[in-house]
């Protein structure tokens, strides 16, 4: 969806909603709830369809934009669980995603100053001031090994959005593993945000300049494959940059690859060798943007299954039906909604009796650790876990 689109332009896709609630549930026969909003309170309004109905009511002049609508819209984690479920919207526009309509609703709310109090409002103030999000003053330091910065490498390692310890540790672990594999990479490690957070929260007016600036820096490296650790960065840069940079001179798209795919290839070819270690049971949480956003479900599982002594036990909701961690939700409409969503997912992990919860997204890692408290060490990032179990 292009940034020039308005909510009014989406009327043909919004209007046919039948209130069937199909956007909130997984496939038969389990029919497990996959929408975090609907899981909190099984009322139609608390769903993607409910947000479409509110949007339609606004377009029809039945209600006005208001803070209550904003608080609910920003509570949605845009986890994409609804995107493939609604055949009605897809029939109108096969390329349309429900989560993008929700982002567009947020943009309309942001333009009217209806931003929930708290972290999101602080983010917006920083974006308006600096044209970016979480600049160099917020950045965690990375341990840069010697094999990076190779201008002749065919791979550009993207280390953006280093704003929490979980992301820094994940990137450091990935760089260490690339060194073990003797895989040279060039390093793109700019300050600030790749743009994914701005897009998700409706800060669209600031996006074109930011994306154009990032693209020019990436272009200076020459044509390379982009390697990502953060699935939010990968999904946004590989799928959305093209639409935002439409018509820009020289832009010809990115070929992206996730670190789990590179690790799997290295383990299969012997570039990384698994150590003999104590047996451990693990369960893998599918990050929303790695799975539903990029379609990458099997490589992380195959990496785990390739490691000696690791037994994978699946949670009830997995792959396309996975339940969101809630990290990208606001708590303005439902108190403690973000952590409550994470607690539901952690409870599902605990039901497996597995010893460790593995994920491949720093946002998931951070909130799961927060919910587990004293047992936070039971949550591991995939790359960090692999560094512990390879020679």
Protein backbone atom coordinates (compact mmCIF):
# COMPACT_ATOMS: atom_id res chain seq x y z
CA UNK A 1 0.00 0.00 0.00
CA UNK A 2 1.47 3.37 -1.04
CA UNK A 3 1.81 6.22 1.41
CA UNK A 4 -0.31 8.44 -0.85
CA UNK A 5 -3.33 6.23 -0.15
CA UNK A 6 -6.08 7.66 2.05
CA UNK A 7 -8.64 5.89 4.19
CA UNK A 8 -11.29 7.03 1.73
CA UNK A 9 -9.43 5.21 -1.06
CA UNK A 10 -9.80 2.05 1.00
CA UNK A 11 -13.61 2.33 1.18
CA UNK A 12 -14.20 -0.45 -1.43
CA UNK A 13 -12.05 -2.86 0.63
CA UNK A 14 -13.42 -1.74 4.00
CA UNK A 15 -17.13 -1.74 3.18
CA UNK A 16 -17.80 -5.45 2.39
CA UNK A 17 -16.83 -6.72 5.89
CA UNK A 18 -19.51 -9.25 6.95
CA UNK A 19 -18.59 -9.31 10.65
CA UNK A 20 -17.87 -13.03 10.29
CA UNK A 21 -14.92 -12.80 12.70
CA UNK A 22 -12.89 -15.06 10.43
CA UNK A 23 -9.98 -12.64 10.81
CA UNK A 24 -9.66 -13.58 14.49
CA UNK A 25 -9.31 -17.36 14.36
CA UNK A 26 -6.99 -20.02 13.03
CA UNK A 27 -7.85 -22.90 10.75
CA UNK A 28 -10.22 -25.77 11.39
CA UNK A 29 -10.34 -28.01 13.37
CA UNK A 30 -8.49 -26.14 16.12
CA UNK A 31 -10.01 -22.70 15.44
CA UNK A 32 -7.66 -21.24 18.03
CA UNK A 33 -7.79 -17.49 18.56
CA UNK A 34 -4.90 -15.87 16.70
CA UNK A 35 -5.85 -12.17 17.13
CA UNK A 36 -4.43 -10.78 20.41
CA UNK A 37 -7.15 -8.11 20.61
CA UNK A 38 -9.91 -10.68 20.27
CA UNK A 39 -8.15 -12.98 22.74
CA UNK A 40 -8.38 -10.21 25.35
CA UNK A 41 -12.15 -9.78 24.95
CA UNK A 42 -14.13 -11.82 22.43
CA UNK A 43 -16.16 -8.88 21.18
CA UNK A 44 -16.23 -8.16 17.44
CA UNK A 45 -15.01 -4.59 17.95
CA UNK A 46 -11.78 -6.00 19.36
CA UNK A 47 -10.58 -7.50 16.09
CA UNK A 48 -9.29 -6.44 12.68
CA UNK A 49 -12.87 -6.57 11.41
CA UNK A 50 -13.94 -4.35 14.29
CA UNK A 51 -11.32 -1.76 13.35
CA UNK A 52 -12.56 -1.93 9.75
CA UNK A 53 -16.10 -1.31 10.98
CA UNK A 54 -14.93 1.71 12.99
CA UNK A 55 -13.13 3.00 9.90
CA UNK A 56 -16.28 2.58 7.84
CA UNK A 57 -18.32 4.40 10.48
CA UNK A 58 -15.85 7.29 10.31
CA UNK A 59 -16.01 7.39 6.51
CA UNK A 60 -19.82 7.35 6.62
CA UNK A 61 -19.92 10.20 9.13
CA UNK A 62 -21.50 8.04 11.83
CA UNK A 63 -18.68 8.76 14.29
CA UNK A 64 -15.74 11.15 14.36
CA UNK A 65 -12.08 10.37 14.81
CA UNK A 66 -11.62 10.27 18.58
CA UNK A 67 -9.11 9.25 21.23
CA UNK A 68 -10.95 6.04 22.13
CA UNK A 69 -10.64 4.82 18.54
CA UNK A 70 -6.97 5.82 18.59
CA UNK A 71 -6.27 3.94 21.82
CA UNK A 72 -7.83 0.79 20.36
CA UNK A 73 -6.14 1.13 16.95
CA UNK A 74 -2.70 1.53 18.54
CA UNK A 75 -3.29 -1.47 20.81
CA UNK A 76 -3.40 -3.75 17.78
CA UNK A 77 0.12 -5.26 17.42
CA UNK A 78 -0.30 -5.48 13.60
CA UNK A 79 0.87 -9.08 13.94
CA UNK A 80 -0.58 -10.00 10.52
CA UNK A 81 -2.57 -12.94 11.91
CA UNK A 82 -5.62 -11.48 10.15
CA UNK A 83 -4.00 -10.73 6.80
CA UNK A 84 -4.44 -14.10 5.11
CA UNK A 85 -7.78 -14.89 6.75
CA UNK A 86 -10.18 -12.40 5.16
CA UNK A 87 -11.17 -13.54 1.67
CA UNK A 88 -13.62 -10.63 1.31
CA UNK A 89 -10.95 -7.92 1.39
CA UNK A 90 -8.62 -10.03 -0.74
CA UNK A 91 -11.35 -10.40 -3.37
CA UNK A 92 -11.61 -6.62 -3.65
CA UNK A 93 -7.84 -6.16 -3.75
CA UNK A 94 -5.58 -9.25 -3.70
CA UNK A 95 -2.66 -7.08 -2.56
CA UNK A 96 -4.53 -5.51 0.35
CA UNK A 97 -3.67 -6.49 3.90
CA UNK A 98 -5.96 -5.81 6.84
CA UNK A 99 -2.96 -4.81 8.95
CA UNK A 100 -2.06 -2.10 6.41
CA UNK A 101 -5.57 -0.66 6.61
CA UNK A 102 -5.12 -0.49 10.39
CA UNK A 103 -1.79 1.32 9.88
CA UNK A 104 -3.56 3.73 7.54
CA UNK A 105 -6.20 4.39 10.21
CA UNK A 106 -3.35 5.17 12.60
CA UNK A 107 -1.88 7.62 10.08
CA UNK A 108 -5.21 9.46 9.89
CA UNK A 109 -5.29 9.58 13.70
CA UNK A 110 -1.69 10.81 13.91
CA UNK A 111 -2.48 13.64 11.48
CA UNK A 112 -5.23 14.73 13.88
CA UNK A 113 -2.95 14.58 16.93
CA UNK A 114 -4.74 11.59 18.44
CA UNK A 115 -1.75 9.61 19.65
CA UNK A 116 -1.95 7.57 22.87
CA UNK A 117 -0.07 8.96 25.83
CA UNK A 118 3.13 7.19 26.80
CA UNK A 119 5.95 5.66 24.73
CA UNK A 120 4.25 6.13 21.34
CA UNK A 121 3.69 9.83 21.91
CA UNK A 122 7.32 10.19 23.02
CA UNK A 123 8.43 8.37 19.86
CA UNK A 124 6.40 10.76 17.71
CA UNK A 125 7.89 13.80 19.45
CA UNK A 126 11.38 12.49 18.67
CA UNK A 127 10.49 11.74 15.06
CA UNK A 128 9.06 15.25 14.60
CA UNK A 129 12.17 16.77 16.16
CA UNK A 130 14.86 14.66 14.45
CA UNK A 131 13.13 13.12 11.42
CA UNK A 132 14.19 9.74 12.79
CA UNK A 133 13.57 7.48 15.75
CA UNK A 134 15.97 6.67 18.57
CA UNK A 135 19.12 8.27 17.27
CA UNK A 136 22.74 7.57 18.13
CA UNK A 137 22.25 8.50 21.78
CA UNK A 138 20.04 5.42 22.24
CA UNK A 139 22.22 3.07 20.26
CA UNK A 140 23.87 0.00 21.86
CA UNK A 141 27.48 -0.65 20.92
CA UNK A 142 28.29 -3.65 18.73
CA UNK A 143 31.39 -5.84 18.77
CA UNK A 144 32.61 -5.48 15.19
CA UNK A 145 34.89 -8.40 14.15
CA UNK A 146 37.61 -8.18 11.54
CA UNK A 147 35.72 -10.03 8.80
CA UNK A 148 33.20 -7.17 8.43
CA UNK A 149 33.68 -4.07 6.31
CA UNK A 150 34.78 -6.12 3.29
CA UNK A 151 33.80 -3.97 0.32
CA UNK A 152 34.23 -6.94 -2.06
CA UNK A 153 31.82 -9.18 -0.14
CA UNK A 154 28.61 -10.09 -1.94
CA UNK A 155 26.59 -9.72 1.27
CA UNK A 156 25.65 -6.57 3.17
CA UNK A 157 24.91 -7.28 6.84
CA UNK A 158 22.15 -4.94 8.06
CA UNK A 159 22.58 -3.89 11.68
CA UNK A 160 19.89 -1.25 12.06
CA UNK A 161 17.63 -0.36 14.99
CA UNK A 162 20.07 -1.36 17.74
CA UNK A 163 17.93 0.08 20.51
CA UNK A 164 17.85 -2.65 23.14
CA UNK A 165 20.24 -5.15 24.65
CA UNK A 166 18.46 -8.11 23.04
CA UNK A 167 19.05 -6.70 19.55
CA UNK A 168 22.70 -5.89 20.27
CA UNK A 169 23.37 -9.42 21.60
CA UNK A 170 21.63 -10.99 18.62
CA UNK A 171 23.66 -8.95 16.13
CA UNK A 172 26.91 -9.63 17.99
CA UNK A 173 26.17 -13.36 17.99
CA UNK A 174 25.37 -13.31 14.27
CA UNK A 175 28.62 -11.50 13.47
CA UNK A 176 30.56 -14.01 15.59
CA UNK A 177 28.96 -16.92 13.72
CA UNK A 178 29.70 -15.34 10.33
CA UNK A 179 33.34 -15.14 11.46
CA UNK A 180 33.35 -18.84 12.36
CA UNK A 181 31.91 -19.58 8.93
CA UNK A 182 34.61 -17.39 7.33
CA UNK A 183 31.87 -15.56 5.48
CA UNK A 184 32.98 -12.02 4.62
CA UNK A 185 30.33 -9.31 4.81
CA UNK A 186 30.11 -5.58 4.36
CA UNK A 187 28.41 -3.85 7.28
CA UNK A 188 25.53 -1.36 7.10
CA UNK A 189 25.06 -0.01 10.60
CA UNK A 190 23.44 3.41 10.42
CA UNK A 191 21.93 5.19 13.41
CA UNK A 192 18.21 5.38 14.03
CA UNK A 193 15.38 3.32 12.53
CA UNK A 194 15.08 1.50 9.21
CA UNK A 195 11.54 2.93 9.01
CA UNK A 196 9.52 -0.11 10.10
CA UNK A 197 8.49 1.41 13.42
CA UNK A 198 7.47 4.68 11.76
CA UNK A 199 5.38 2.73 9.27
CA UNK A 200 3.71 0.54 11.90
CA UNK A 201 2.71 3.47 14.09
CA UNK A 202 1.43 5.72 11.30
CA UNK A 203 4.27 8.26 11.27
CA UNK A 204 4.12 8.33 7.49
CA UNK A 205 4.92 11.95 6.73
CA UNK A 206 8.48 11.42 7.95
CA UNK A 207 9.02 8.13 6.08
CA UNK A 208 9.91 9.18 2.49
CA UNK A 209 12.91 11.31 3.51
CA UNK A 210 14.20 8.66 5.93
CA UNK A 211 13.85 5.81 3.45
CA UNK A 212 15.45 7.85 0.66
CA UNK A 213 18.42 8.60 2.94
CA UNK A 214 18.84 4.94 3.90
CA UNK A 215 18.58 3.81 0.29
CA UNK A 216 21.29 6.20 -0.87
CA UNK A 217 23.66 4.83 1.79
CA UNK A 218 22.87 1.23 0.89
CA UNK A 219 23.26 2.01 -2.81
CA UNK A 220 26.79 3.25 -2.15
CA UNK A 221 27.84 -0.33 -1.24
CA UNK A 222 26.95 -1.55 -4.74
CA UNK A 223 24.60 -4.40 -5.62
CA UNK A 224 24.67 -6.85 -2.72
CA UNK A 225 22.38 -9.35 -1.03
CA UNK A 226 21.11 -7.98 2.27
CA UNK A 227 21.44 -10.20 5.35
CA UNK A 228 19.13 -9.51 8.30
CA UNK A 229 18.79 -10.58 11.91
CA UNK A 230 15.73 -8.45 12.74
CA UNK A 231 12.69 -9.70 10.78
CA UNK A 232 10.93 -6.33 11.18
CA UNK A 233 13.78 -4.62 9.31
CA UNK A 234 13.89 -7.33 6.66
CA UNK A 235 10.15 -7.36 5.98
CA UNK A 236 9.96 -3.58 5.79
CA UNK A 237 13.08 -2.96 3.72
CA UNK A 238 12.49 -5.78 1.23
CA UNK A 239 8.70 -5.35 0.88
CA UNK A 240 7.97 -1.69 1.57
CA UNK A 241 10.98 0.32 0.39
CA UNK A 242 10.05 -0.35 -3.22
CA UNK A 243 6.60 1.18 -2.75
CA UNK A 244 7.90 4.20 -0.86
CA UNK A 245 10.76 4.77 -3.34
CA UNK A 246 8.52 4.28 -6.37
CA UNK A 247 10.05 6.24 -9.22
CA UNK A 248 13.34 6.95 -7.46
CA UNK A 249 16.31 6.85 -9.79
CA UNK A 250 18.24 3.61 -9.66
CA UNK A 251 16.15 1.73 -7.14
CA UNK A 252 15.87 -1.90 -8.22
CA UNK A 253 14.85 -3.66 -5.02
CA UNK A 254 16.67 -5.75 -2.45
CA UNK A 255 17.29 -9.45 -2.24
CA UNK A 256 17.01 -10.23 1.45
CA UNK A 257 18.08 -13.26 3.46
CA UNK A 258 17.50 -14.06 7.12
CA UNK A 259 20.31 -15.22 9.38
CA UNK A 260 18.49 -18.51 10.07
CA UNK A 261 18.76 -19.42 6.37
CA UNK A 262 22.50 -18.71 6.36
CA UNK A 263 23.04 -20.71 9.56
CA UNK A 264 21.13 -23.68 8.17
CA UNK A 265 23.23 -23.69 5.01
CA UNK A 266 26.44 -23.46 7.06
CA UNK A 267 25.44 -26.35 9.33
CA UNK A 268 24.54 -28.55 6.35
CA UNK A 269 27.81 -27.80 4.53
CA UNK A 270 30.01 -28.13 7.62
CA UNK A 271 31.03 -24.46 7.84
CA UNK A 272 29.54 -24.64 11.33
CA UNK A 273 29.84 -27.85 13.34
CA UNK A 274 27.58 -28.76 16.23
CA UNK A 275 29.22 -29.60 19.56
CA UNK A 276 28.26 -32.60 21.67
CA UNK A 277 26.43 -31.09 24.60
CA UNK A 278 23.87 -31.96 27.22
CA UNK A 279 20.45 -32.74 25.74
CA UNK A 280 17.93 -29.93 25.90
CA UNK A 281 14.26 -29.57 24.93
CA UNK A 282 13.23 -26.35 23.21
CA UNK A 283 10.12 -24.79 21.73
CA UNK A 284 10.29 -22.26 18.89
CA UNK A 285 8.14 -19.13 18.84
CA UNK A 286 7.45 -17.89 15.30
CA UNK A 287 8.00 -14.11 15.21
CA UNK A 288 5.09 -12.53 13.35
CA UNK A 289 7.21 -10.73 10.76
CA UNK A 290 9.57 -13.65 10.17
CA UNK A 291 6.71 -16.09 9.64
CA UNK A 292 3.59 -14.34 8.41
CA UNK A 293 5.59 -11.39 7.05
CA UNK A 294 8.39 -13.23 5.21
CA UNK A 295 7.08 -16.80 5.04
CA UNK A 296 10.14 -18.15 6.89
CA UNK A 297 8.93 -20.98 9.13
CA UNK A 298 11.15 -24.01 8.53
CA UNK A 299 14.76 -22.72 8.49
CA UNK A 300 14.84 -21.85 12.23
CA UNK A 301 13.32 -25.24 13.08
CA UNK A 302 15.76 -27.04 10.80
CA UNK A 303 18.66 -25.20 12.46
CA UNK A 304 17.46 -26.41 15.87
CA UNK A 305 16.93 -29.96 14.61
CA UNK A 306 20.45 -30.00 13.15
CA UNK A 307 22.10 -29.14 16.47
CA UNK A 308 23.24 -32.18 18.46
CA UNK A 309 21.17 -32.94 21.54
CA UNK A 310 18.37 -30.47 20.78
CA UNK A 311 14.78 -31.75 20.79
CA UNK A 312 12.11 -29.43 19.39
CA UNK A 313 8.63 -29.51 20.95
CA UNK A 314 5.98 -27.45 19.16
CA UNK A 315 3.53 -25.16 20.92
CA UNK A 316 -0.16 -25.63 20.18
CA UNK A 317 -0.26 -22.53 17.98
CA UNK A 318 2.67 -22.53 15.60
CA UNK A 319 3.77 -21.44 12.14
CA UNK A 320 0.94 -19.52 10.37
CA UNK A 321 -1.29 -19.97 13.44
CA UNK A 322 1.32 -18.68 15.89
CA UNK A 323 0.20 -16.26 18.60
CA UNK A 324 1.86 -12.84 18.80
CA UNK A 325 4.21 -11.85 21.65
CA UNK A 326 2.44 -8.49 21.98
CA UNK A 327 5.65 -6.43 22.01
CA UNK A 328 4.39 -3.88 19.47
CA UNK A 329 1.12 -3.15 21.28
CA UNK A 330 0.14 -0.08 23.23
CA UNK A 331 -1.47 -0.41 26.65
CA UNK A 332 -3.79 2.57 26.21
CA UNK A 333 -7.07 0.74 25.67
CA UNK A 334 -6.48 -2.38 27.74
CA UNK A 335 -4.24 -1.99 30.77
CA UNK A 336 -1.04 -4.08 30.46
CA UNK A 337 -2.23 -5.43 27.11
CA UNK A 338 1.28 -5.97 25.75
CA UNK A 339 2.52 -7.99 28.72
CA UNK A 340 -0.82 -9.79 29.01
CA UNK A 341 -0.43 -11.00 25.42
CA UNK A 342 3.12 -12.16 26.14
CA UNK A 343 1.93 -13.98 29.26
CA UNK A 344 -0.60 -15.93 27.20
CA UNK A 345 2.13 -17.02 24.80
CA UNK A 346 4.53 -17.90 27.63
CA UNK A 347 1.81 -20.00 29.27
CA UNK A 348 1.51 -21.92 26.01
CA UNK A 349 5.28 -22.48 26.04
CA UNK A 350 5.17 -23.72 29.64
CA UNK A 351 2.51 -26.26 28.66
CA UNK A 352 5.06 -27.94 26.36
CA UNK A 353 7.36 -28.66 29.36
CA UNK A 354 10.30 -27.60 27.17
CA UNK A 355 13.31 -26.18 28.97
CA UNK A 356 14.00 -23.25 26.64
CA UNK A 357 11.90 -20.88 24.54
CA UNK A 358 13.74 -19.94 21.34
CA UNK A 359 12.79 -17.02 19.13
CA UNK A 360 14.39 -15.08 16.29
CA UNK A 361 13.20 -11.54 17.02
CA UNK A 362 14.66 -9.15 19.62
CA UNK A 363 11.23 -7.68 20.43
CA UNK A 364 9.90 -11.15 21.29
CA UNK A 365 13.04 -11.99 23.28
CA UNK A 366 12.81 -8.82 25.33
CA UNK A 367 9.14 -9.07 26.31
CA UNK A 368 9.23 -12.82 27.00
CA UNK A 369 12.19 -12.25 29.33
CA UNK A 370 10.29 -9.49 31.09
CA UNK A 371 7.26 -11.74 31.63
CA UNK A 372 9.34 -14.68 32.85
CA UNK A 373 11.14 -12.50 35.37
CA UNK A 374 13.56 -14.60 37.41
CA UNK A 375 13.40 -17.33 34.73
CA UNK A 376 14.26 -14.90 31.90
CA UNK A 377 17.31 -17.04 31.01
CA UNK A 378 14.86 -19.65 29.67
CA UNK A 379 14.32 -17.39 26.64
CA UNK A 380 17.08 -17.52 24.03
CA UNK A 381 17.65 -15.74 20.78
CA UNK A 382 18.28 -18.23 17.97
CA UNK A 383 21.67 -16.81 17.01
CA UNK A 384 22.84 -16.67 20.63
CA UNK A 385 21.68 -20.24 21.19
CA UNK A 386 23.57 -21.43 18.10
CA UNK A 387 26.81 -19.76 19.27
CA UNK A 388 26.55 -21.82 22.47
CA UNK A 389 26.27 -25.12 20.61
CA UNK A 390 28.70 -24.91 17.70
CA UNK A 391 32.46 -25.31 17.61
